[in-house]
Amino acid sequence: MIKKPLGWTSFDVVNKLRYRLKIKKIGHAGTLDPLASGLLIICTGKMTKQIDEFQAQEKEYTGKFILGQSTPSHDLETAVNEIMDVSAITNDQIQSATKKFMGTIQQIPPIHSAIKVDGRRAYKLARKGQEVELRPREVFIKEFEVTEIKMPEVSFRVVCSKGTYIRSLARDFGKALGSIAYLTELCRTRIGSFKLEDALTLDQVPG
């Protein structure tokens, strides 16, 4: 288990470990965006056969939304392109809005995602300014709590199923408040029974 640093792709981490450990058969279970940090399960040798099993397990994340602002990618990858006044939104409304996302929900992935559309990655089409239409997907939100509010910044913790996009949750959370929002910080803290606190940094890996 590795603590993926901010700015690294999951593939960067795998490549680094492949070189350091001199292992050819190595992979990761569950991609993290470069702008996200946190737990990355690394599998080597015969354990690579269990990657799908690890990927399917429940995930836990912590992070931050900014209310009243949005970006095309719903995170920091692209610049803010819309601003709304959030002075009328109360703390009680923010806390209550989480209940709308509990359980099984339909979620549309962000257009800046790796999902394939007609054989091409959605984010590549979006970056070229092409229209991308993605279908809703069923995901399960087990827990969703707001842990701190410092308007317009909202800190949260979420426990969810495989395939849940936290960027889409940010977008939809803003809509539920009659506003807009985007994701500014994300950390994966758990995959199944594997916890971030038990993971190693890249510097701690011997080699």
Protein backbone atom coordinates (compact mmCIF):
# COMPACT_ATOMS: atom_id res chain seq x y z
CA MET A 1 0.00 0.00 0.00
CA ILE A 2 1.32 3.39 -1.02
CA LYS A 3 0.40 6.96 -0.07
CA LYS A 4 0.10 8.50 -3.53
CA PRO A 5 1.47 12.04 -3.53
CA LEU A 6 -0.38 14.98 -5.02
CA GLY A 7 0.53 15.62 -8.66
CA TRP A 8 1.51 12.04 -9.46
CA THR A 9 -0.59 9.77 -11.67
CA SER A 10 -1.26 6.26 -10.40
CA PHE A 11 0.80 5.02 -13.37
CA ASP A 12 3.72 7.23 -12.24
CA VAL A 13 3.70 5.43 -8.89
CA VAL A 14 3.65 1.99 -10.53
CA ASN A 15 6.52 2.94 -12.84
CA LYS A 16 8.57 4.27 -9.94
CA LEU A 17 8.10 1.04 -7.98
CA ARG A 18 8.75 -1.15 -11.03
CA TYR A 19 12.12 0.55 -11.47
CA ARG A 20 13.03 0.64 -7.78
CA LEU A 21 11.97 -2.94 -6.97
CA LYS A 22 13.02 -4.34 -10.36
CA ILE A 23 9.63 -6.07 -10.73
CA LYS A 24 8.04 -6.54 -14.14
CA LYS A 25 4.59 -7.74 -13.08
CA ILE A 26 3.12 -4.89 -11.07
CA GLY A 27 -0.11 -2.89 -11.13
CA HIS A 28 -2.48 -0.83 -9.01
CA ALA A 29 -6.05 -1.38 -7.83
CA GLY A 30 -8.11 1.75 -8.41
CA THR A 31 -6.88 4.85 -10.21
CA LEU A 32 -6.47 8.16 -8.40
CA ASP A 33 -6.41 11.39 -10.41
CA PRO A 34 -3.15 13.39 -10.31
CA LEU A 35 -4.99 16.06 -8.27
CA ALA A 36 -5.99 13.48 -5.64
CA SER A 37 -3.79 11.92 -2.99
CA GLY A 38 -4.15 8.94 -0.70
CA LEU A 39 -4.28 5.18 -0.60
CA LEU A 40 -3.12 3.23 -3.64
CA ILE A 41 -3.04 -0.57 -3.44
CA ILE A 42 -0.09 -1.99 -5.37
CA CYS A 43 -0.13 -5.63 -6.53
CA THR A 44 2.88 -7.59 -7.74
CA GLY A 45 3.39 -11.05 -9.21
CA LYS A 46 0.48 -13.43 -8.66
CA MET A 47 -1.37 -10.81 -6.61
CA THR A 48 -2.07 -8.85 -9.80
CA LYS A 49 -4.83 -11.42 -10.42
CA GLN A 50 -6.68 -9.94 -7.43
CA ILE A 51 -6.67 -6.34 -8.72
CA ASP A 52 -10.33 -6.51 -9.81
CA GLU A 53 -11.29 -7.87 -6.40
CA PHE A 54 -9.56 -4.98 -4.61
CA GLN A 55 -11.04 -2.42 -7.01
CA ALA A 56 -14.57 -3.63 -6.26
CA GLN A 57 -14.29 -2.91 -2.54
CA GLU A 58 -15.86 0.03 -0.69
CA LYS A 59 -13.92 3.32 -0.77
CA GLU A 60 -13.66 6.17 1.73
CA TYR A 61 -12.59 9.71 0.83
CA THR A 62 -12.15 13.05 2.53
CA GLY A 63 -11.95 16.36 0.71
CA LYS A 64 -13.25 19.86 0.11
CA PHE A 65 -15.82 21.52 -2.15
CA ILE A 66 -16.05 25.19 -3.04
CA LEU A 67 -19.66 26.37 -3.25
CA GLY A 68 -20.73 29.11 -5.66
CA GLN A 69 -18.00 28.40 -8.20
CA SER A 70 -17.56 25.81 -10.94
CA THR A 71 -15.03 24.61 -13.48
CA PRO A 72 -15.57 22.53 -16.67
CA SER A 73 -13.76 19.56 -15.08
CA HIS A 74 -15.44 20.01 -11.66
CA ASP A 75 -12.01 20.16 -10.03
CA LEU A 76 -8.77 22.19 -10.16
CA GLU A 77 -7.69 20.82 -13.55
CA THR A 78 -9.51 23.67 -15.31
CA ALA A 79 -10.08 27.31 -14.37
CA VAL A 80 -13.22 28.66 -12.70
CA ASN A 81 -15.70 29.64 -15.42
CA GLU A 82 -18.83 30.44 -13.37
CA ILE A 83 -19.50 32.21 -10.06
CA MET A 84 -22.70 32.50 -8.03
CA ASP A 85 -23.61 34.30 -4.81
CA VAL A 86 -23.86 31.82 -1.90
CA SER A 87 -24.60 34.29 0.91
CA ALA A 88 -28.16 32.95 1.31
CA ILE A 89 -27.08 29.32 1.79
CA THR A 90 -27.19 28.31 5.46
CA ASN A 91 -25.18 25.70 7.34
CA ASP A 92 -28.38 23.75 8.02
CA GLN A 93 -29.14 23.61 4.30
CA ILE A 94 -25.63 22.32 3.59
CA GLN A 95 -25.92 19.60 6.24
CA SER A 96 -29.40 18.59 5.04
CA ALA A 97 -28.31 18.38 1.39
CA THR A 98 -26.12 15.35 2.13
CA LYS A 99 -29.24 13.25 2.76
CA LYS A 100 -30.24 13.57 -0.90
CA PHE A 101 -27.23 11.51 -1.91
CA MET A 102 -27.49 8.62 0.53
CA GLY A 103 -28.13 5.11 -0.78
CA THR A 104 -28.36 4.08 -4.41
CA ILE A 105 -28.28 7.07 -6.76
CA GLN A 106 -27.90 7.79 -10.46
CA GLN A 107 -24.73 9.73 -11.21
CA ILE A 108 -23.49 11.20 -14.50
CA PRO A 109 -19.66 10.94 -14.73
CA PRO A 110 -17.73 14.17 -15.41
CA ILE A 111 -16.92 14.77 -19.07
CA HIS A 112 -13.27 15.14 -18.04
CA SER A 113 -13.02 11.44 -17.17
CA ALA A 114 -11.36 8.36 -18.62
CA ILE A 115 -14.66 6.76 -19.65
CA LYS A 116 -14.64 5.76 -23.32
CA VAL A 117 -17.13 7.28 -25.77
CA ASP A 118 -17.12 5.53 -29.17
CA GLY A 119 -13.70 4.12 -28.33
CA ARG A 120 -12.15 7.44 -27.28
CA ARG A 121 -11.50 8.79 -23.78
CA ALA A 122 -14.11 11.36 -22.74
CA TYR A 123 -11.52 13.78 -21.36
CA LYS A 124 -9.66 13.87 -24.68
CA LEU A 125 -12.86 14.83 -26.50
CA ALA A 126 -13.72 17.42 -23.83
CA ARG A 127 -10.28 19.03 -24.05
CA LYS A 128 -10.80 19.46 -27.80
CA GLY A 129 -14.07 21.26 -27.14
CA GLN A 130 -16.19 18.43 -28.53
CA GLU A 131 -19.60 17.67 -27.02
CA VAL A 132 -19.58 14.63 -24.77
CA GLU A 133 -22.77 12.94 -23.61
CA LEU A 134 -22.37 10.41 -20.81
CA ARG A 135 -25.12 8.19 -19.45
CA PRO A 136 -26.03 8.08 -15.74
CA ARG A 137 -24.55 5.21 -13.75
CA GLU A 138 -25.84 3.61 -10.58
CA VAL A 139 -23.59 4.08 -7.55
CA PHE A 140 -24.06 3.59 -3.83
CA ILE A 141 -23.28 6.19 -1.17
CA LYS A 142 -23.11 4.54 2.25
CA GLU A 143 -22.04 7.60 4.25
CA PHE A 144 -21.79 11.28 3.34
CA GLU A 145 -21.10 13.85 6.02
CA VAL A 146 -20.06 17.48 6.09
CA THR A 147 -17.24 17.75 8.62
CA GLU A 148 -16.57 21.51 8.49
CA ILE A 149 -18.04 24.61 6.88
CA LYS A 150 -15.96 27.72 6.19
CA MET A 151 -17.96 29.37 3.44
CA PRO A 152 -17.55 28.97 0.58
CA GLU A 153 -15.40 25.94 1.52
CA VAL A 154 -17.11 22.74 2.68
CA SER A 155 -15.10 19.79 4.05
CA PHE A 156 -16.58 16.31 3.76
CA ARG A 157 -16.14 12.58 4.24
CA VAL A 158 -17.81 10.01 1.99
CA VAL A 159 -17.99 6.20 1.93
CA CYS A 160 -19.06 4.88 -1.46
CA SER A 161 -19.06 2.09 -4.00
CA LYS A 162 -16.67 1.47 -6.86
CA GLY A 163 -17.31 3.81 -9.79
CA THR A 164 -18.41 6.81 -7.73
CA TYR A 165 -17.04 10.11 -9.03
CA ILE A 166 -16.45 12.60 -6.23
CA ARG A 167 -16.15 15.40 -8.81
CA SER A 168 -19.70 14.59 -9.93
CA LEU A 169 -20.80 14.52 -6.30
CA ALA A 170 -19.38 18.04 -5.91
CA ARG A 171 -21.25 19.24 -8.99
CA ASP A 172 -24.53 17.63 -7.90
CA PHE A 173 -24.15 18.80 -4.30
CA GLY A 174 -23.97 22.39 -5.56
CA LYS A 175 -27.09 21.84 -7.67
CA ALA A 176 -28.96 20.42 -4.67
CA LEU A 177 -28.34 23.75 -2.92
CA GLY A 178 -29.57 25.72 -5.91
CA SER A 179 -26.01 26.71 -6.68
CA ILE A 180 -22.80 25.29 -8.19
CA ALA A 181 -19.69 23.69 -6.71
CA TYR A 182 -16.41 22.04 -7.59
CA LEU A 183 -13.86 19.78 -5.90
CA THR A 184 -10.65 21.39 -4.62
CA GLU A 185 -9.16 18.62 -2.49
CA LEU A 186 -9.50 14.82 -2.40
CA CYS A 187 -7.79 12.08 -0.41
CA ARG A 188 -8.64 8.37 -0.48
CA THR A 189 -8.39 7.14 3.09
CA ARG A 190 -9.61 3.55 2.78
CA ILE A 191 -10.25 0.69 0.34
CA GLY A 192 -12.15 -2.13 2.02
CA SER A 193 -10.14 -2.96 5.16
CA PHE A 194 -6.95 -1.30 3.86
CA LYS A 195 -6.29 2.09 5.47
CA LEU A 196 -4.15 5.05 4.43
CA GLU A 197 -2.55 5.23 7.88
CA ASP A 198 -0.96 1.81 7.27
CA ALA A 199 0.47 2.72 3.84
CA LEU A 200 4.06 3.67 2.99
CA THR A 201 5.27 6.80 1.27
CA LEU A 202 7.39 6.22 -1.84
CA ASP A 203 10.48 7.24 0.15
CA GLN A 204 9.81 4.46 2.67
CA VAL A 205 9.85 1.72 0.04
CA PRO A 206 13.21 -0.07 0.19
CA GLY A 207 15.16 -0.54 -2.98
